[in-house]
Amino acid sequence: MLNIGIDIASKKHDCCIMGAKGDVLTPVFTFENNAGGFDVLLKNIRKHERDAGQVRVGLESTGHYGDNLISFLRARSFNITVFNPLQVDLYRKAGTLRKTKTDKADAKFIAQMLLTTENSTRADTSPSIVELKALVRHRHRIKAMRTKLKVSVTRLV
């Protein structure tokens, strides 16, 4: 069983691959948030495990930055676990006395979290959920625009 921790960012992701006993199989590496970067991740995973059912991927919930990666991994039948950023922060603080907050360290902590948790929040990337999230974001933007226009009209009157 492989445990893969990925720290999500807007343009690049950091990844750490651990074995079932917590041994680091691949040191933390960085890959880009595009199809080429996803292929680099897949090649590193395939070095250690061919069966997608034996791979657990964990990442922080970071809004829409990880959606493409989640869709890519889901299409290849990987088990994906999404952690609350507060959970990861508390786990990191409990595991070390040093205040090391780096993307590479977070990737390693996320992989370790997969070792200690049985079931966590699964990533739901069904098209209807993705579309609903986009609509909610769009509604929020429209409400903000409406509020600005009301203030402008009130100021003019």
C-alpha atoms as a PDB file:
ATOM      1  CA  MET A   1       0.000   0.000   0.000  1.00  0.00           C
ATOM      2  CA  LEU A   2       1.352   3.409  -1.006  1.00  0.00           C
ATOM      3  CA  ASN A   3       0.477   6.608   0.846  1.00  0.00           C
ATOM      4  CA  ILE A   4       0.952   9.756  -1.182  1.00  0.00           C
ATOM      5  CA  GLY A   5       0.776  13.194   0.405  1.00  0.00           C
ATOM      6  CA  ILE A   6       0.327  16.160  -1.914  1.00  0.00           C
ATOM      7  CA  ASP A   7       0.495  19.799  -0.873  1.00  0.00           C
ATOM      8  CA  ILE A   8      -1.620  21.739  -3.365  1.00  0.00           C
ATOM      9  CA  ALA A   9      -0.684  25.186  -4.684  1.00  0.00           C
ATOM     10  CA  SER A  10      -1.869  27.235  -7.634  1.00  0.00           C
ATOM     11  CA  LYS A  11       0.982  26.534 -10.081  1.00  0.00           C
ATOM     12  CA  LYS A  12       2.868  23.599  -8.570  1.00  0.00           C
ATOM     13  CA  HIS A  13       2.326  20.767  -6.128  1.00  0.00           C
ATOM     14  CA  ASP A  14       4.733  19.071  -3.727  1.00  0.00           C
ATOM     15  CA  CYS A  15       4.450  15.309  -3.267  1.00  0.00           C
ATOM     16  CA  CYS A  16       5.847  12.684  -0.900  1.00  0.00           C
ATOM     17  CA  ILE A  17       5.429   8.935  -1.437  1.00  0.00           C
ATOM     18  CA  MET A  18       5.529   6.628   1.603  1.00  0.00           C
ATOM     19  CA  GLY A  19       5.225   2.901   2.001  1.00  0.00           C
ATOM     20  CA  ALA A  20       2.784   1.069   4.257  1.00  0.00           C
ATOM     21  CA  LYS A  21       5.141   1.263   7.240  1.00  0.00           C
ATOM     22  CA  GLY A  22       5.890   4.971   6.929  1.00  0.00           C
ATOM     23  CA  ASP A  23       9.149   4.599   5.053  1.00  0.00           C
ATOM     24  CA  VAL A  24       9.800   7.348   2.504  1.00  0.00           C
ATOM     25  CA  LEU A  25      10.011   5.659  -0.890  1.00  0.00           C
ATOM     26  CA  THR A  26      10.371   8.831  -2.929  1.00  0.00           C
ATOM     27  CA  PRO A  27      11.661  12.020  -1.311  1.00  0.00           C
ATOM     28  CA  VAL A  28       9.526  15.120  -1.707  1.00  0.00           C
ATOM     29  CA  PHE A  29       9.415  16.266  -5.321  1.00  0.00           C
ATOM     30  CA  THR A  30       7.598  19.071  -7.116  1.00  0.00           C
ATOM     31  CA  PHE A  31       5.402  18.791 -10.181  1.00  0.00           C
ATOM     32  CA  GLU A  32       3.463  21.412 -12.114  1.00  0.00           C
ATOM     33  CA  ASN A  33      -0.310  21.866 -12.077  1.00  0.00           C
ATOM     34  CA  ASN A  34      -0.768  20.751 -15.687  1.00  0.00           C
ATOM     35  CA  ALA A  35      -0.990  17.555 -17.725  1.00  0.00           C
ATOM     36  CA  GLY A  36       2.805  17.245 -17.985  1.00  0.00           C
ATOM     37  CA  GLY A  37       3.198  17.558 -14.235  1.00  0.00           C
ATOM     38  CA  PHE A  38       0.453  15.016 -13.627  1.00  0.00           C
ATOM     39  CA  ASP A  39       2.321  12.562 -15.870  1.00  0.00           C
ATOM     40  CA  VAL A  40       5.457  13.088 -13.753  1.00  0.00           C
ATOM     41  CA  LEU A  41       3.403  12.200 -10.658  1.00  0.00           C
ATOM     42  CA  LEU A  42       1.968   9.120 -12.350  1.00  0.00           C
ATOM     43  CA  LYS A  43       5.440   7.905 -13.390  1.00  0.00           C
ATOM     44  CA  ASN A  44       6.698   8.256  -9.810  1.00  0.00           C
ATOM     45  CA  ILE A  45       3.689   6.320  -8.507  1.00  0.00           C
ATOM     46  CA  ARG A  46       4.109   3.562 -11.109  1.00  0.00           C
ATOM     47  CA  LYS A  47       7.726   3.032  -9.995  1.00  0.00           C
ATOM     48  CA  HIS A  48       6.404   1.591  -6.738  1.00  0.00           C
ATOM     49  CA  GLU A  49       2.878   0.312  -7.428  1.00  0.00           C
ATOM     50  CA  ARG A  50       0.961  -0.633 -10.572  1.00  0.00           C
ATOM     51  CA  ASP A  51      -2.408  -1.312  -8.923  1.00  0.00           C
ATOM     52  CA  ALA A  52      -4.322   1.956  -8.337  1.00  0.00           C
ATOM     53  CA  GLY A  53      -6.409   0.222  -5.657  1.00  0.00           C
ATOM     54  CA  GLN A  54      -3.284  -0.092  -3.507  1.00  0.00           C
ATOM     55  CA  VAL A  55      -2.575   3.648  -3.589  1.00  0.00           C
ATOM     56  CA  ARG A  56      -4.045   6.229  -1.203  1.00  0.00           C
ATOM     57  CA  VAL A  57      -3.642   9.878  -2.137  1.00  0.00           C
ATOM     58  CA  GLY A  58      -4.145  12.587   0.464  1.00  0.00           C
ATOM     59  CA  LEU A  59      -4.305  16.321  -0.079  1.00  0.00           C
ATOM     60  CA  GLU A  60      -5.488  19.483   1.631  1.00  0.00           C
ATOM     61  CA  SER A  61      -8.783  21.070   0.692  1.00  0.00           C
ATOM     62  CA  THR A  62      -7.613  24.190  -1.125  1.00  0.00           C
ATOM     63  CA  GLY A  63     -10.616  25.210  -3.151  1.00  0.00           C
ATOM     64  CA  HIS A  64     -10.376  24.869  -6.901  1.00  0.00           C
ATOM     65  CA  TYR A  65      -6.571  24.570  -7.195  1.00  0.00           C
ATOM     66  CA  GLY A  66      -6.642  20.791  -6.825  1.00  0.00           C
ATOM     67  CA  ASP A  67      -9.742  20.064  -8.917  1.00  0.00           C
ATOM     68  CA  ASN A  68      -7.830  19.142 -12.086  1.00  0.00           C
ATOM     69  CA  LEU A  69      -5.477  16.874 -10.158  1.00  0.00           C
ATOM     70  CA  ILE A  70      -8.368  15.177  -8.343  1.00  0.00           C
ATOM     71  CA  SER A  71     -10.167  14.590 -11.666  1.00  0.00           C
ATOM     72  CA  PHE A  72      -6.961  13.195 -13.190  1.00  0.00           C
ATOM     73  CA  LEU A  73      -6.399  10.780 -10.294  1.00  0.00           C
ATOM     74  CA  ARG A  74     -10.073   9.824 -10.005  1.00  0.00           C
ATOM     75  CA  ALA A  75     -10.115   8.900 -13.723  1.00  0.00           C
ATOM     76  CA  ARG A  76      -7.285   6.467 -12.977  1.00  0.00           C
ATOM     77  CA  SER A  77      -9.172   4.907 -10.026  1.00  0.00           C
ATOM     78  CA  PHE A  78      -6.968   6.180  -7.190  1.00  0.00           C
ATOM     79  CA  ASN A  79      -8.374   6.446  -3.653  1.00  0.00           C
ATOM     80  CA  ILE A  80      -8.387  10.149  -2.763  1.00  0.00           C
ATOM     81  CA  THR A  81      -8.733  11.629   0.712  1.00  0.00           C
ATOM     82  CA  VAL A  82      -9.199  15.360   1.245  1.00  0.00           C
ATOM     83  CA  PHE A  83      -8.100  16.769   4.594  1.00  0.00           C
ATOM     84  CA  ASN A  84      -9.265  19.956   6.247  1.00  0.00           C
ATOM     85  CA  PRO A  85      -6.350  22.456   6.344  1.00  0.00           C
ATOM     86  CA  LEU A  86      -6.893  22.885  10.097  1.00  0.00           C
ATOM     87  CA  GLN A  87      -6.427  19.136  10.575  1.00  0.00           C
ATOM     88  CA  VAL A  88      -3.127  19.216   8.708  1.00  0.00           C
ATOM     89  CA  ASP A  89      -1.952  22.260  10.669  1.00  0.00           C
ATOM     90  CA  LEU A  90      -2.758  20.644  14.017  1.00  0.00           C
ATOM     91  CA  TYR A  91      -1.147  17.353  12.966  1.00  0.00           C
ATOM     92  CA  ARG A  92       2.007  19.229  11.930  1.00  0.00           C
ATOM     93  CA  LYS A  93       2.125  21.147  15.220  1.00  0.00           C
ATOM     94  CA  ALA A  94       1.627  17.952  17.221  1.00  0.00           C
ATOM     95  CA  GLY A  95       4.394  16.157  15.344  1.00  0.00           C
ATOM     96  CA  THR A  96       7.171  18.668  15.754  1.00  0.00           C
ATOM     97  CA  LEU A  97       8.234  21.416  18.095  1.00  0.00           C
ATOM     98  CA  ARG A  98       9.832  23.394  15.295  1.00  0.00           C
ATOM     99  CA  LYS A  99       7.758  25.902  13.412  1.00  0.00           C
ATOM    100  CA  THR A 100       8.528  24.478   9.995  1.00  0.00           C
ATOM    101  CA  LYS A 101       5.757  25.447   7.601  1.00  0.00           C
ATOM    102  CA  THR A 102       6.918  24.554   4.134  1.00  0.00           C
ATOM    103  CA  ASP A 103       5.105  22.917   1.260  1.00  0.00           C
ATOM    104  CA  LYS A 104       7.582  20.036   1.255  1.00  0.00           C
ATOM    105  CA  ALA A 105       7.091  19.411   4.975  1.00  0.00           C
ATOM    106  CA  ASP A 106       3.306  19.581   4.566  1.00  0.00           C
ATOM    107  CA  ALA A 107       3.420  16.955   1.796  1.00  0.00           C
ATOM    108  CA  LYS A 108       5.255  14.607   4.161  1.00  0.00           C
ATOM    109  CA  PHE A 109       2.815  15.309   7.021  1.00  0.00           C
ATOM    110  CA  ILE A 110      -0.169  14.629   4.751  1.00  0.00           C
ATOM    111  CA  ALA A 111       1.337  11.266   3.744  1.00  0.00           C
ATOM    112  CA  GLN A 112       1.845  10.455   7.446  1.00  0.00           C
ATOM    113  CA  MET A 113      -1.762  11.442   8.166  1.00  0.00           C
ATOM    114  CA  LEU A 114      -2.912   8.840   5.652  1.00  0.00           C
ATOM    115  CA  LEU A 115      -1.072   6.206   7.684  1.00  0.00           C
ATOM    116  CA  THR A 116      -2.898   7.138  10.886  1.00  0.00           C
ATOM    117  CA  THR A 117      -6.424   7.725   9.556  1.00  0.00           C
ATOM    118  CA  GLU A 118      -8.827   5.062   8.446  1.00  0.00           C
ATOM    119  CA  ASN A 119     -11.482   6.993   6.563  1.00  0.00           C
ATOM    120  CA  SER A 120     -11.588  10.694   5.934  1.00  0.00           C
ATOM    121  CA  THR A 121     -13.502  12.970   3.645  1.00  0.00           C
ATOM    122  CA  ARG A 122     -13.552  11.558   0.159  1.00  0.00           C
ATOM    123  CA  ALA A 123     -13.200  13.914  -2.773  1.00  0.00           C
ATOM    124  CA  ASP A 124     -16.464  14.183  -4.683  1.00  0.00           C
ATOM    125  CA  THR A 125     -15.769  15.291  -8.233  1.00  0.00           C
ATOM    126  CA  SER A 126     -19.061  14.401  -9.863  1.00  0.00           C
ATOM    127  CA  PRO A 127     -19.904  16.877 -12.626  1.00  0.00           C
ATOM    128  CA  SER A 128     -23.000  18.133 -10.819  1.00  0.00           C
ATOM    129  CA  ILE A 129     -21.005  18.995  -7.650  1.00  0.00           C
ATOM    130  CA  VAL A 130     -18.306  20.774  -9.655  1.00  0.00           C
ATOM    131  CA  GLU A 131     -20.947  22.741 -11.549  1.00  0.00           C
ATOM    132  CA  LEU A 132     -22.781  23.608  -8.327  1.00  0.00           C
ATOM    133  CA  LYS A 133     -19.578  24.936  -6.769  1.00  0.00           C
ATOM    134  CA  ALA A 134     -18.943  27.096  -9.840  1.00  0.00           C
ATOM    135  CA  LEU A 135     -22.495  28.461  -9.692  1.00  0.00           C
ATOM    136  CA  VAL A 136     -22.165  29.319  -5.990  1.00  0.00           C
ATOM    137  CA  ARG A 137     -18.913  31.186  -6.662  1.00  0.00           C
ATOM    138  CA  HIS A 138     -20.568  33.057  -9.558  1.00  0.00           C
ATOM    139  CA  ARG A 139     -23.558  33.982  -7.344  1.00  0.00           C
ATOM    140  CA  HIS A 140     -21.169  35.327  -4.711  1.00  0.00           C
ATOM    141  CA  ARG A 141     -19.458  37.535  -7.317  1.00  0.00           C
ATOM    142  CA  ILE A 142     -22.804  38.832  -8.601  1.00  0.00           C
ATOM    143  CA  LYS A 143     -23.970  39.665  -5.066  1.00  0.00           C
ATOM    144  CA  ALA A 144     -20.748  41.604  -4.448  1.00  0.00           C
ATOM    145  CA  MET A 145     -21.282  43.552  -7.682  1.00  0.00           C
ATOM    146  CA  ARG A 146     -24.900  44.283  -6.705  1.00  0.00           C
ATOM    147  CA  THR A 147     -23.779  45.624  -3.329  1.00  0.00           C
ATOM    148  CA  LYS A 148     -21.249  47.948  -4.984  1.00  0.00           C
ATOM    149  CA  LEU A 149     -23.896  49.215  -7.400  1.00  0.00           C
ATOM    150  CA  LYS A 150     -26.352  49.894  -4.560  1.00  0.00           C
ATOM    151  CA  VAL A 151     -23.713  51.926  -2.755  1.00  0.00           C
ATOM    152  CA  SER A 152     -22.977  53.885  -5.955  1.00  0.00           C
ATOM    153  CA  VAL A 153     -26.664  54.611  -6.559  1.00  0.00           C
ATOM    154  CA  THR A 154     -27.178  55.672  -2.943  1.00  0.00           C
ATOM    155  CA  ARG A 155     -24.184  57.975  -3.165  1.00  0.00           C
ATOM    156  CA  LEU A 156     -25.523  59.568  -6.369  1.00  0.00           C
ATOM    157  CA  VAL A 157     -29.010  60.113  -4.952  1.00  0.00           C
END
